[in-house]
Amino acid sequence: MRLGALILAGGRSVRMGRPKEWLPFGGETLLGRIGRTLLEVAAPVLVLARDHEQELPPLPAAVGKLVDQRRDAGPLAGLTQGLDHLATVHGFAASDAVLLTACDLPFLDAGFVRGLTRHLAGHDVVLPIRDGQEEPLAAIYRLGLRAAAHELLQRGAGSPRALAAAATTCRLAGEALASLDPSGRCLWNLNTQTDYERAGAALADG
């Protein structure tokens, strides 16, 4: 099975107050860090920008860039575009898959992604559940969901949660999730300055 990765980087970062993709973290930017990390486990790794005018930080040469075709339509639209691109440009089959994530998960690592992938057998989606909340932007989706994703978009759905609800989904929580993420940090997402400072302190502490 082939695994690609799609990083959503077109958000407005309203709560953070500045573009999250450019935030320094461990000697690199948040977007550069997650792009580099995902190259260890996925190919291709793609970044989805909101428009041609959005300036992105320097990225590893192997990371590709897409521009959102449906601006402000929600992450399901980005996922659908990514699924279409992987199928038509990279020749992904229905049984292949993509990791969908955002640029603000600085502790997401390759081992965690590999662990998610191991749970994909017999399922179309692997969806982590943290503190009772689904994490659709740290989840894996098979290419065979393209038609269902398009149909949900036409109905006005905006979240990948709707796709997971309509698919055969492995929901990972509790001990099963903890075994993939012993530190409990892989799903930390940075929405505010406080989140950013907390993550920086955790990085410094090792």
Protein backbone atom coordinates (compact mmCIF):
# COMPACT_ATOMS: atom_id res chain seq x y z
CA MET A 1 0.00 0.00 0.00
CA ARG A 2 1.21 3.49 -0.88
CA LEU A 3 0.81 6.30 1.64
CA GLY A 4 0.82 9.99 0.75
CA ALA A 5 0.48 12.95 3.09
CA LEU A 6 -1.47 16.18 2.77
CA ILE A 7 -0.68 19.09 5.11
CA LEU A 8 -3.35 21.78 5.33
CA ALA A 9 -1.59 25.14 5.66
CA GLY A 10 -4.20 27.63 4.45
CA GLY A 11 -5.80 28.56 7.77
CA ARG A 12 -5.99 32.18 8.90
CA SER A 13 -4.42 31.53 12.35
CA VAL A 14 -6.92 33.91 13.95
CA ARG A 15 -6.48 32.65 17.49
CA MET A 16 -2.71 32.54 17.20
CA GLY A 17 -2.58 36.06 15.81
CA ARG A 18 0.17 35.27 13.26
CA PRO A 19 0.71 32.65 10.57
CA LYS A 20 1.28 29.32 12.29
CA GLU A 21 3.16 27.84 9.36
CA TRP A 22 5.97 30.36 9.95
CA LEU A 23 6.31 29.90 13.72
CA PRO A 24 9.85 28.88 14.76
CA PHE A 25 10.09 25.52 16.48
CA GLY A 26 13.27 23.64 17.26
CA GLY A 27 15.38 25.51 14.73
CA GLU A 28 12.85 25.25 11.88
CA THR A 29 9.33 26.41 11.12
CA LEU A 30 6.26 24.43 12.12
CA LEU A 31 5.45 23.70 8.48
CA GLY A 32 9.02 22.79 7.62
CA ARG A 33 9.20 20.49 10.63
CA ILE A 34 6.09 18.48 9.79
CA GLY A 35 7.01 18.34 6.11
CA ARG A 36 10.43 16.93 6.96
CA THR A 37 8.94 14.44 9.41
CA LEU A 38 6.36 13.10 6.99
CA LEU A 39 8.93 12.53 4.26
CA GLU A 40 10.18 9.68 6.45
CA VAL A 41 6.94 7.77 6.02
CA ALA A 42 4.95 9.12 3.06
CA ALA A 43 5.42 9.94 -0.62
CA PRO A 44 4.40 12.31 -1.95
CA VAL A 45 4.12 14.86 0.85
CA LEU A 46 1.97 17.80 -0.27
CA VAL A 47 1.17 21.17 1.30
CA LEU A 48 -2.18 22.77 0.50
CA ALA A 49 -2.03 26.58 0.51
CA ARG A 50 -5.15 28.75 0.50
CA ASP A 51 -4.21 30.69 -2.67
CA HIS A 52 -1.30 31.59 -4.94
CA GLU A 53 -0.55 34.69 -2.87
CA GLN A 54 0.07 32.82 0.38
CA GLU A 55 3.79 32.83 1.11
CA LEU A 56 5.04 29.60 2.64
CA PRO A 57 8.28 29.13 4.57
CA PRO A 58 11.14 27.19 2.99
CA LEU A 59 10.30 23.50 2.66
CA PRO A 60 12.31 20.37 1.90
CA ALA A 61 12.76 20.02 -1.85
CA ALA A 62 10.72 16.82 -1.97
CA VAL A 63 7.60 18.48 -0.47
CA GLY A 64 5.10 19.53 -3.15
CA LYS A 65 2.58 22.38 -3.11
CA LEU A 66 -1.07 22.55 -4.10
CA VAL A 67 -3.41 25.56 -4.05
CA ASP A 68 -6.91 25.23 -2.64
CA GLN A 69 -9.50 24.99 -5.41
CA ARG A 70 -12.41 25.60 -3.03
CA ARG A 71 -11.39 28.42 -0.73
CA ASP A 72 -12.97 28.51 2.73
CA ALA A 73 -14.94 25.31 2.06
CA GLY A 74 -13.43 23.45 5.01
CA PRO A 75 -10.89 20.66 5.42
CA LEU A 76 -13.08 18.07 3.68
CA ALA A 77 -12.65 20.08 0.48
CA GLY A 78 -8.88 20.01 0.97
CA LEU A 79 -8.91 16.28 1.58
CA THR A 80 -11.02 15.68 -1.52
CA GLN A 81 -8.64 17.73 -3.64
CA GLY A 82 -5.74 15.75 -2.22
CA LEU A 83 -7.41 12.43 -2.95
CA ASP A 84 -8.09 13.52 -6.53
CA HIS A 85 -4.51 14.72 -7.00
CA LEU A 86 -2.99 11.51 -5.67
CA ALA A 87 -5.21 9.43 -7.94
CA THR A 88 -4.86 11.43 -11.16
CA VAL A 89 -1.29 12.73 -10.89
CA HIS A 90 0.48 10.08 -8.80
CA GLY A 91 -1.51 7.01 -9.84
CA PHE A 92 -2.71 6.03 -6.39
CA ALA A 93 -5.15 3.11 -6.35
CA ALA A 94 -8.33 2.84 -4.30
CA SER A 95 -6.52 0.72 -1.71
CA ASP A 96 -3.79 3.34 -1.20
CA ALA A 97 -4.17 6.03 1.43
CA VAL A 98 -3.32 9.55 2.55
CA LEU A 99 -2.51 10.99 5.93
CA LEU A 100 -4.40 14.26 6.38
CA THR A 101 -2.93 16.67 8.88
CA ALA A 102 -2.31 20.35 9.57
CA CYS A 103 0.85 22.37 10.05
CA ASP A 104 0.32 22.89 13.78
CA LEU A 105 1.08 19.42 15.20
CA PRO A 106 4.79 19.80 15.97
CA PHE A 107 5.19 16.45 17.76
CA LEU A 108 3.54 14.28 15.11
CA ASP A 109 6.19 11.69 14.25
CA ALA A 110 6.82 8.98 11.70
CA GLY A 111 6.41 6.16 14.24
CA PHE A 112 2.94 7.39 15.13
CA VAL A 113 1.95 7.53 11.45
CA ARG A 114 3.27 4.02 10.87
CA GLY A 115 1.22 2.86 13.85
CA LEU A 116 -1.93 4.39 12.44
CA THR A 117 -1.27 2.70 9.12
CA ARG A 118 -1.05 -0.72 10.78
CA HIS A 119 -4.66 -0.30 11.91
CA LEU A 120 -5.91 0.38 8.38
CA ALA A 121 -6.38 -3.30 7.50
CA GLY A 122 -10.08 -3.92 6.94
CA HIS A 123 -10.91 -0.20 7.21
CA ASP A 124 -11.14 2.88 5.02
CA VAL A 125 -10.24 5.39 7.76
CA VAL A 126 -8.09 5.33 10.89
CA LEU A 127 -9.27 8.10 13.22
CA PRO A 128 -7.57 8.91 16.54
CA ILE A 129 -9.79 9.87 19.49
CA ARG A 130 -8.10 12.10 22.08
CA ASP A 131 -9.91 13.01 25.29
CA GLY A 132 -13.17 11.94 23.69
CA GLN A 133 -12.62 14.16 20.63
CA GLU A 134 -12.14 12.88 17.10
CA GLU A 135 -8.94 14.11 15.43
CA PRO A 136 -9.74 14.10 11.69
CA LEU A 137 -6.61 16.17 10.92
CA ALA A 138 -4.32 13.43 12.15
CA ALA A 139 -6.09 10.58 10.40
CA ILE A 140 -5.60 8.25 7.44
CA TYR A 141 -8.09 7.93 4.56
CA ARG A 142 -8.13 5.47 1.68
CA LEU A 143 -8.35 6.70 -1.91
CA GLY A 144 -11.45 4.56 -2.38
CA LEU A 145 -13.38 7.26 -0.50
CA ARG A 146 -13.08 9.80 -3.34
CA ALA A 147 -16.64 9.40 -4.61
CA ALA A 148 -18.11 9.55 -1.10
CA ALA A 149 -16.05 12.66 -0.33
CA HIS A 150 -17.33 14.43 -3.45
CA GLU A 151 -20.90 13.50 -2.61
CA LEU A 152 -20.58 14.85 0.92
CA LEU A 153 -19.11 18.09 -0.40
CA GLN A 154 -22.06 18.51 -2.73
CA ARG A 155 -24.33 18.11 0.29
CA GLY A 156 -22.51 20.93 2.07
CA ALA A 157 -20.33 18.93 4.49
CA GLY A 158 -17.12 20.63 5.50
CA SER A 159 -15.43 18.29 7.96
CA PRO A 160 -13.66 14.99 7.32
CA ARG A 161 -15.62 13.70 10.33
CA ALA A 162 -18.58 13.34 7.96
CA LEU A 163 -16.51 11.12 5.70
CA ALA A 164 -15.32 9.01 8.62
CA ALA A 165 -18.92 8.63 9.79
CA ALA A 166 -19.92 7.31 6.37
CA ALA A 167 -16.95 4.95 6.03
CA THR A 168 -15.61 1.81 7.66
CA THR A 169 -13.59 3.54 10.34
CA CYS A 170 -11.16 2.29 12.95
CA ARG A 171 -11.41 4.68 15.90
CA LEU A 172 -8.27 4.57 18.03
CA ALA A 173 -8.57 5.64 21.66
CA GLY A 174 -7.40 4.71 25.12
CA GLU A 175 -4.61 2.16 25.40
CA ALA A 176 -4.53 1.48 21.66
CA LEU A 177 -3.78 5.13 20.97
CA ALA A 178 -1.42 5.50 23.93
CA SER A 179 0.67 2.60 22.65
CA LEU A 180 1.39 4.65 19.50
CA ASP A 181 1.98 7.88 21.40
CA PRO A 182 3.58 7.16 24.79
CA SER A 183 4.46 10.82 25.32
CA GLY A 184 0.88 11.92 24.65
CA ARG A 185 2.20 14.75 22.48
CA CYS A 186 1.66 13.60 18.90
CA LEU A 187 -1.83 15.09 18.76
CA TRP A 188 -1.01 18.38 20.46
CA ASN A 189 -2.18 21.13 18.14
CA LEU A 190 -1.19 24.75 18.57
CA ASN A 191 -4.12 27.15 18.34
CA THR A 192 -3.03 29.91 20.71
CA GLN A 193 0.11 31.58 21.99
CA THR A 194 -0.31 29.64 25.23
CA ASP A 195 -0.35 26.36 23.27
CA TYR A 196 2.79 27.44 21.42
CA GLU A 197 4.65 28.33 24.60
CA ARG A 198 3.62 25.04 26.23
CA ALA A 199 4.93 23.08 23.25
CA GLY A 200 8.18 25.03 23.26
CA ALA A 201 8.70 24.25 26.92
CA ALA A 202 7.99 20.56 26.29
CA LEU A 203 10.51 20.52 23.45
CA ALA A 204 13.15 22.13 25.67
CA ASP A 205 12.48 19.55 28.39
CA GLY A 206 12.94 16.73 25.93
